[in-house]
């Protein structure tokens, strides 16, 4: 069972009838790729401005680390 996916709650209330509730998302990087695990099929996500900045920050951090991994593997 994935540790990521639906949480079963609505931390900011239900946005609309399509809203399926909270989502625990995982971020990592491997072999020069950034990997985002939603834990389930996901058509859309709704984020507060603070959450959107956090999401972007995590993507940027993993992108930077993935680039370092590529550079180090090419140097070694």
PDB file of N, CA and C in Angstrom:
ATOM      1  N   UNK A   1       0.843  -1.187   0.000  1.00  0.00           N
ATOM      2  CA  UNK A   1       0.000   0.000   0.000  1.00  0.00           C
ATOM      3  C   UNK A   1       0.885   1.246   0.000  1.00  0.00           C
ATOM      4  N   UNK A   2       0.545   2.206  -0.829  1.00  0.00           N
ATOM      5  CA  UNK A   2       1.314   3.435  -0.925  1.00  0.00           C
ATOM      6  C   UNK A   2       1.077   4.303   0.306  1.00  0.00           C
ATOM      7  N   UNK A   3       2.133   4.954   0.766  1.00  0.00           N
ATOM      8  CA  UNK A   3       1.981   5.898   1.870  1.00  0.00           C
ATOM      9  C   UNK A   3       1.461   7.237   1.371  1.00  0.00           C
ATOM     10  N   UNK A   4       1.351   7.382   0.067  1.00  0.00           N
ATOM     11  CA  UNK A   4       0.878   8.618  -0.535  1.00  0.00           C
ATOM     12  C   UNK A   4      -0.531   8.428  -1.085  1.00  0.00           C
ATOM     13  N   UNK A   5      -1.225   9.533  -1.282  1.00  0.00           N
ATOM     14  CA  UNK A   5      -2.564   9.468  -1.845  1.00  0.00           C
ATOM     15  C   UNK A   5      -3.585  10.179  -0.981  1.00  0.00           C
ATOM     16  N   UNK A   6      -4.823   9.755  -1.119  1.00  0.00           N
ATOM     17  CA  UNK A   6      -5.939  10.406  -0.447  1.00  0.00           C
ATOM     18  C   UNK A   6      -5.805  10.313   1.073  1.00  0.00           C
ATOM     19  N   UNK A   7      -6.143  11.408   1.747  1.00  0.00           N
ATOM     20  CA  UNK A   7      -6.082  11.440   3.211  1.00  0.00           C
ATOM     21  C   UNK A   7      -7.463  11.262   3.837  1.00  0.00           C
ATOM     22  N   UNK A   8      -8.514  11.451   3.037  1.00  0.00           N
ATOM     23  CA  UNK A   8      -9.866  11.305   3.558  1.00  0.00           C
ATOM     24  C   UNK A   8     -10.395  12.529   4.282  1.00  0.00           C
ATOM     25  N   UNK A   9      -9.631  13.611   4.256  1.00  0.00           N
ATOM     26  CA  UNK A   9     -10.110  14.831   4.906  1.00  0.00           C
ATOM     27  C   UNK A   9     -10.166  15.991   3.917  1.00  0.00           C
ATOM     28  N   UNK A  10     -10.725  17.077   4.350  1.00  0.00           N
ATOM     29  CA  UNK A  10     -10.828  18.302   3.549  1.00  0.00           C
ATOM     30  C   UNK A  10     -10.249  19.435   4.391  1.00  0.00           C
ATOM     31  N   UNK A  11      -8.914  19.588   4.365  1.00  0.00           N
ATOM     32  CA  UNK A  11      -8.268  20.535   5.275  1.00  0.00           C
ATOM     33  C   UNK A  11      -8.685  21.992   5.084  1.00  0.00           C
ATOM     34  N   UNK A  12      -9.166  22.341   3.901  1.00  0.00           N
ATOM     35  CA  UNK A  12      -9.602  23.720   3.642  1.00  0.00           C
ATOM     36  C   UNK A  12     -11.053  23.758   3.193  1.00  0.00           C
ATOM     37  N   UNK A  13     -11.819  22.727   3.531  1.00  0.00           N
ATOM     38  CA  UNK A  13     -13.195  22.636   3.067  1.00  0.00           C
ATOM     39  C   UNK A  13     -13.244  22.058   1.662  1.00  0.00           C
ATOM     40  N   UNK A  14     -14.431  21.668   1.240  1.00  0.00           N
ATOM     41  CA  UNK A  14     -14.605  21.075  -0.086  1.00  0.00           C
ATOM     42  C   UNK A  14     -14.703  22.197  -1.119  1.00  0.00           C
ATOM     43  N   UNK A  15     -13.785  22.184  -2.107  1.00  0.00           N
ATOM     44  CA  UNK A  15     -13.733  23.250  -3.111  1.00  0.00           C
ATOM     45  C   UNK A  15     -14.917  23.197  -4.066  1.00  0.00           C
ATOM     46  N   UNK A  16     -15.271  21.980  -4.521  1.00  0.00           N
ATOM     47  CA  UNK A  16     -16.394  21.796  -5.440  1.00  0.00           C
ATOM     48  C   UNK A  16     -16.783  20.318  -5.418  1.00  0.00           C
ATOM     49  N   UNK A  17     -17.755  19.941  -6.228  1.00  0.00           N
ATOM     50  CA  UNK A  17     -18.241  18.560  -6.215  1.00  0.00           C
ATOM     51  C   UNK A  17     -17.190  17.552  -6.688  1.00  0.00           C
ATOM     52  N   UNK A  18     -16.210  18.005  -7.460  1.00  0.00           N
ATOM     53  CA  UNK A  18     -15.149  17.114  -7.936  1.00  0.00           C
ATOM     54  C   UNK A  18     -14.039  16.918  -6.906  1.00  0.00           C
ATOM     55  N   UNK A  19     -14.019  17.730  -5.864  1.00  0.00           N
ATOM     56  CA  UNK A  19     -12.968  17.676  -4.849  1.00  0.00           C
ATOM     57  C   UNK A  19     -13.022  16.334  -4.123  1.00  0.00           C
ATOM     58  N   UNK A  20     -11.914  15.590  -4.156  1.00  0.00           N
ATOM     59  CA  UNK A  20     -11.842  14.279  -3.505  1.00  0.00           C
ATOM     60  C   UNK A  20     -11.111  14.339  -2.170  1.00  0.00           C
ATOM     61  N   UNK A  21     -10.793  15.535  -1.702  1.00  0.00           N
ATOM     62  CA  UNK A  21     -10.158  15.684  -0.394  1.00  0.00           C
ATOM     63  C   UNK A  21      -8.655  15.814  -0.461  1.00  0.00           C
ATOM     64  N   UNK A  22      -8.063  15.808   0.725  1.00  0.00           N
ATOM     65  CA  UNK A  22      -6.620  16.003   0.864  1.00  0.00           C
ATOM     66  C   UNK A  22      -5.808  14.924   0.169  1.00  0.00           C
ATOM     67  N   UNK A  23      -4.571  15.277  -0.149  1.00  0.00           N
ATOM     68  CA  UNK A  23      -3.689  14.383  -0.884  1.00  0.00           C
ATOM     69  C   UNK A  23      -2.291  14.486  -0.290  1.00  0.00           C
ATOM     70  N   UNK A  24      -1.743  13.355   0.130  1.00  0.00           N
ATOM     71  CA  UNK A  24      -0.373  13.311   0.614  1.00  0.00           C
ATOM     72  C   UNK A  24       0.524  12.975  -0.572  1.00  0.00           C
ATOM     73  N   UNK A  25       1.430  13.898  -0.896  1.00  0.00           N
ATOM     74  CA  UNK A  25       2.269  13.794  -2.089  1.00  0.00           C
ATOM     75  C   UNK A  25       3.718  13.561  -1.667  1.00  0.00           C
ATOM     76  N   UNK A  26       4.411  12.690  -2.396  1.00  0.00           N
ATOM     77  CA  UNK A  26       5.821  12.440  -2.131  1.00  0.00           C
ATOM     78  C   UNK A  26       6.701  13.009  -3.233  1.00  0.00           C
ATOM     79  N   UNK A  27       7.857  13.547  -2.841  1.00  0.00           N
ATOM     80  CA  UNK A  27       8.829  14.107  -3.777  1.00  0.00           C
ATOM     81  C   UNK A  27      10.161  13.411  -3.581  1.00  0.00           C
ATOM     82  N   UNK A  28      10.822  13.084  -4.678  1.00  0.00           N
ATOM     83  CA  UNK A  28      12.174  12.544  -4.621  1.00  0.00           C
ATOM     84  C   UNK A  28      12.847  12.781  -5.971  1.00  0.00           C
ATOM     85  N   UNK A  29      14.054  12.302  -6.102  1.00  0.00           N
ATOM     86  CA  UNK A  29      14.745  12.357  -7.386  1.00  0.00           C
ATOM     87  C   UNK A  29      15.583  11.099  -7.530  1.00  0.00           C
ATOM     88  N   UNK A  30      15.763  10.681  -8.777  1.00  0.00           N
ATOM     89  CA  UNK A  30      16.520   9.467  -9.052  1.00  0.00           C
ATOM     90  C   UNK A  30      17.001   9.499 -10.495  1.00  0.00           C
ATOM     91  N   UNK A  31      18.266   9.194 -10.685  1.00  0.00           N
ATOM     92  CA  UNK A  31      18.850   9.105 -12.026  1.00  0.00           C
ATOM     93  C   UNK A  31      18.555  10.342 -12.881  1.00  0.00           C
ATOM     94  N   UNK A  32      18.680  11.520 -12.269  1.00  0.00           N
ATOM     95  CA  UNK A  32      18.512  12.762 -13.009  1.00  0.00           C
ATOM     96  C   UNK A  32      17.069  13.167 -13.273  1.00  0.00           C
ATOM     97  N   UNK A  33      16.123  12.519 -12.624  1.00  0.00           N
ATOM     98  CA  UNK A  33      14.702  12.847 -12.814  1.00  0.00           C
ATOM     99  C   UNK A  33      14.080  13.231 -11.479  1.00  0.00           C
ATOM    100  N   UNK A  34      13.179  14.207 -11.489  1.00  0.00           N
ATOM    101  CA  UNK A  34      12.381  14.554 -10.323  1.00  0.00           C
ATOM    102  C   UNK A  34      11.129  13.689 -10.372  1.00  0.00           C
ATOM    103  N   UNK A  35      10.813  13.054  -9.260  1.00  0.00           N
ATOM    104  CA  UNK A  35       9.671  12.143  -9.200  1.00  0.00           C
ATOM    105  C   UNK A  35       8.672  12.691  -8.186  1.00  0.00           C
ATOM    106  N   UNK A  36       7.428  12.852  -8.633  1.00  0.00           N
ATOM    107  CA  UNK A  36       6.348  13.306  -7.763  1.00  0.00           C
ATOM    108  C   UNK A  36       5.327  12.184  -7.699  1.00  0.00           C
ATOM    109  N   UNK A  37       5.108  11.639  -6.501  1.00  0.00           N
ATOM    110  CA  UNK A  37       4.197  10.521  -6.313  1.00  0.00           C
ATOM    111  C   UNK A  37       2.901  11.034  -5.681  1.00  0.00           C
ATOM    112  N   UNK A  38       1.817  10.997  -6.460  1.00  0.00           N
ATOM    113  CA  UNK A  38       0.514  11.425  -5.953  1.00  0.00           C
ATOM    114  C   UNK A  38      -0.221  10.274  -5.269  1.00  0.00           C
ATOM    115  N   UNK A  39       0.259   9.057  -5.433  1.00  0.00           N
ATOM    116  CA  UNK A  39      -0.333   7.912  -4.778  1.00  0.00           C
ATOM    117  C   UNK A  39      -1.632   7.426  -5.381  1.00  0.00           C
ATOM    118  N   UNK A  40      -2.132   8.127  -6.390  1.00  0.00           N
ATOM    119  CA  UNK A  40      -3.384   7.769  -7.057  1.00  0.00           C
ATOM    120  C   UNK A  40      -3.507   8.609  -8.315  1.00  0.00           C
ATOM    121  N   UNK A  41      -4.369   8.209  -9.252  1.00  0.00           N
ATOM    122  CA  UNK A  41      -4.614   9.076 -10.409  1.00  0.00           C
ATOM    123  C   UNK A  41      -5.171  10.411  -9.926  1.00  0.00           C
ATOM    124  N   UNK A  42      -4.719  11.481 -10.539  1.00  0.00           N
ATOM    125  CA  UNK A  42      -5.075  12.808 -10.048  1.00  0.00           C
ATOM    126  C   UNK A  42      -5.253  13.750 -11.242  1.00  0.00           C
ATOM    127  N   UNK A  43      -6.472  14.243 -11.442  1.00  0.00           N
ATOM    128  CA  UNK A  43      -6.734  15.152 -12.557  1.00  0.00           C
ATOM    129  C   UNK A  43      -6.313  16.578 -12.231  1.00  0.00           C
ATOM    130  N   UNK A  44      -6.454  16.991 -10.963  1.00  0.00           N
ATOM    131  CA  UNK A  44      -6.091  18.355 -10.576  1.00  0.00           C
ATOM    132  C   UNK A  44      -5.865  18.413  -9.068  1.00  0.00           C
ATOM    133  N   UNK A  45      -5.137  19.441  -8.641  1.00  0.00           N
ATOM    134  CA  UNK A  45      -4.975  19.708  -7.214  1.00  0.00           C
ATOM    135  C   UNK A  45      -5.240  21.193  -6.977  1.00  0.00           C
ATOM    136  N   UNK A  46      -5.773  21.505  -5.829  1.00  0.00           N
ATOM    137  CA  UNK A  46      -6.009  22.895  -5.430  1.00  0.00           C
ATOM    138  C   UNK A  46      -5.089  23.235  -4.272  1.00  0.00           C
ATOM    139  N   UNK A  47      -4.335  24.306  -4.407  1.00  0.00           N
ATOM    140  CA  UNK A  47      -3.364  24.692  -3.395  1.00  0.00           C
ATOM    141  C   UNK A  47      -3.574  26.137  -2.968  1.00  0.00           C
ATOM    142  N   UNK A  48      -3.376  26.398  -1.686  1.00  0.00           N
ATOM    143  CA  UNK A  48      -3.330  27.784  -1.226  1.00  0.00           C
ATOM    144  C   UNK A  48      -2.045  28.399  -1.785  1.00  0.00           C
ATOM    145  N   UNK A  49      -1.917  29.707  -1.770  1.00  0.00           N
ATOM    146  CA  UNK A  49      -0.662  30.307  -2.246  1.00  0.00           C
ATOM    147  C   UNK A  49       0.559  29.774  -1.487  1.00  0.00           C
ATOM    148  N   UNK A  50       0.426  29.591  -0.178  1.00  0.00           N
ATOM    149  CA  UNK A  50       1.547  29.077   0.613  1.00  0.00           C
ATOM    150  C   UNK A  50       1.883  27.649   0.208  1.00  0.00           C
ATOM    151  N   UNK A  51       0.859  26.827  -0.001  1.00  0.00           N
ATOM    152  CA  UNK A  51       1.092  25.449  -0.426  1.00  0.00           C
ATOM    153  C   UNK A  51       1.708  25.397  -1.820  1.00  0.00           C
ATOM    154  N   UNK A  52       1.267  26.284  -2.706  1.00  0.00           N
ATOM    155  CA  UNK A  52       1.821  26.322  -4.063  1.00  0.00           C
ATOM    156  C   UNK A  52       3.304  26.683  -4.025  1.00  0.00           C
ATOM    157  N   UNK A  53       3.669  27.652  -3.195  1.00  0.00           N
ATOM    158  CA  UNK A  53       5.084  27.995  -3.069  1.00  0.00           C
ATOM    159  C   UNK A  53       5.881  26.837  -2.486  1.00  0.00           C
ATOM    160  N   UNK A  54       5.317  26.110  -1.509  1.00  0.00           N
ATOM    161  CA  UNK A  54       5.986  24.952  -0.941  1.00  0.00           C
ATOM    162  C   UNK A  54       6.172  23.852  -1.973  1.00  0.00           C
ATOM    163  N   UNK A  55       5.139  23.617  -2.787  1.00  0.00           N
ATOM    164  CA  UNK A  55       5.194  22.619  -3.857  1.00  0.00           C
ATOM    165  C   UNK A  55       6.306  22.994  -4.838  1.00  0.00           C
ATOM    166  N   UNK A  56       6.329  24.249  -5.241  1.00  0.00           N
ATOM    167  CA  UNK A  56       7.357  24.725  -6.179  1.00  0.00           C
ATOM    168  C   UNK A  56       8.750  24.615  -5.565  1.00  0.00           C
ATOM    169  N   UNK A  57       8.869  24.929  -4.275  1.00  0.00           N
ATOM    170  CA  UNK A  57      10.167  24.850  -3.594  1.00  0.00           C
ATOM    171  C   UNK A  57      10.678  23.407  -3.580  1.00  0.00           C
ATOM    172  N   UNK A  58       9.791  22.463  -3.273  1.00  0.00           N
ATOM    173  CA  UNK A  58      10.207  21.058  -3.257  1.00  0.00           C
ATOM    174  C   UNK A  58      10.635  20.578  -4.641  1.00  0.00           C
ATOM    175  N   UNK A  59       9.912  20.983  -5.674  1.00  0.00           N
ATOM    176  CA  UNK A  59      10.307  20.615  -7.039  1.00  0.00           C
ATOM    177  C   UNK A  59      11.678  21.212  -7.357  1.00  0.00           C
ATOM    178  N   UNK A  60      11.863  22.484  -7.021  1.00  0.00           N
ATOM    179  CA  UNK A  60      13.139  23.142  -7.306  1.00  0.00           C
ATOM    180  C   UNK A  60      14.287  22.480  -6.543  1.00  0.00           C
ATOM    181  N   UNK A  61      14.063  22.133  -5.264  1.00  0.00           N
ATOM    182  CA  UNK A  61      15.116  21.484  -4.480  1.00  0.00           C
ATOM    183  C   UNK A  61      15.503  20.136  -5.084  1.00  0.00           C
ATOM    184  N   UNK A  62      14.520  19.350  -5.468  1.00  0.00           N
ATOM    185  CA  UNK A  62      14.829  18.051  -6.049  1.00  0.00           C
ATOM    186  C   UNK A  62      15.447  18.192  -7.440  1.00  0.00           C
ATOM    187  N   UNK A  63      15.026  19.205  -8.187  1.00  0.00           N
ATOM    188  CA  UNK A  63      15.642  19.446  -9.492  1.00  0.00           C
ATOM    189  C   UNK A  63      17.117  19.805  -9.323  1.00  0.00           C
ATOM    190  N   UNK A  64      17.408  20.648  -8.341  1.00  0.00           N
ATOM    191  CA  UNK A  64      18.803  21.029  -8.074  1.00  0.00           C
ATOM    192  C   UNK A  64      19.623  19.802  -7.683  1.00  0.00           C
ATOM    193  N   UNK A  65      19.071  18.975  -6.792  1.00  0.00           N
ATOM    194  CA  UNK A  65      19.796  17.781  -6.354  1.00  0.00           C
ATOM    195  C   UNK A  65      19.963  16.774  -7.490  1.00  0.00           C
ATOM    196  N   UNK A  66      18.949  16.641  -8.333  1.00  0.00           N
ATOM    197  CA  UNK A  66      19.050  15.731  -9.487  1.00  0.00           C
ATOM    198  C   UNK A  66      20.134  16.222 -10.447  1.00  0.00           C
ATOM    199  N   UNK A  67      20.224  17.542 -10.622  1.00  0.00           N
ATOM    200  CA  UNK A  67      21.274  18.090 -11.489  1.00  0.00           C
ATOM    201  C   UNK A  67      22.653  17.830 -10.894  1.00  0.00           C
ATOM    202  N   UNK A  68      22.785  17.946  -9.573  1.00  0.00           N
ATOM    203  CA  UNK A  68      24.060  17.648  -8.921  1.00  0.00           C
ATOM    204  C   UNK A  68      24.435  16.187  -9.151  1.00  0.00           C
ATOM    205  N   UNK A  69      23.453  15.303  -9.010  1.00  0.00           N
ATOM    206  CA  UNK A  69      23.705  13.881  -9.219  1.00  0.00           C
ATOM    207  C   UNK A  69      24.228  13.618 -10.627  1.00  0.00           C
ATOM    208  N   UNK A  70      23.628  14.269 -11.630  1.00  0.00           N
ATOM    209  CA  UNK A  70      24.063  14.110 -13.016  1.00  0.00           C
ATOM    210  C   UNK A  70      25.489  14.617 -13.185  1.00  0.00           C
ATOM    211  N   UNK A  71      25.763  15.796 -12.631  1.00  0.00           N
ATOM    212  CA  UNK A  71      27.090  16.398 -12.741  1.00  0.00           C
ATOM    213  C   UNK A  71      28.131  15.512 -12.069  1.00  0.00           C
ATOM    214  N   UNK A  72      27.811  15.004 -10.853  1.00  0.00           N
ATOM    215  CA  UNK A  72      28.765  14.157 -10.147  1.00  0.00           C
ATOM    216  C   UNK A  72      29.008  12.844 -10.884  1.00  0.00           C
ATOM    217  N   UNK A  73      27.969  12.268 -11.489  1.00  0.00           N
ATOM    218  CA  UNK A  73      28.171  11.013 -12.210  1.00  0.00           C
ATOM    219  C   UNK A  73      28.982  11.233 -13.481  1.00  0.00           C
ATOM    220  N   UNK A  74      28.867  12.399 -14.090  1.00  0.00           N
ATOM    221  CA  UNK A  74      29.654  12.711 -15.288  1.00  0.00           C
ATOM    222  C   UNK A  74      31.099  13.031 -14.948  1.00  0.00           C
ATOM    223  N   UNK A  75      31.342  13.560 -13.721  1.00  0.00           N
ATOM    224  CA  UNK A  75      32.700  13.895 -13.303  1.00  0.00           C
ATOM    225  C   UNK A  75      33.463  12.666 -12.832  1.00  0.00           C
ATOM    226  N   UNK A  76      32.726  11.652 -12.353  1.00  0.00           N
ATOM    227  CA  UNK A  76      33.395  10.534 -11.722  1.00  0.00           C
ATOM    228  C   UNK A  76      33.655   9.431 -12.642  1.00  0.00           C
TER     229      UNK A  76
END
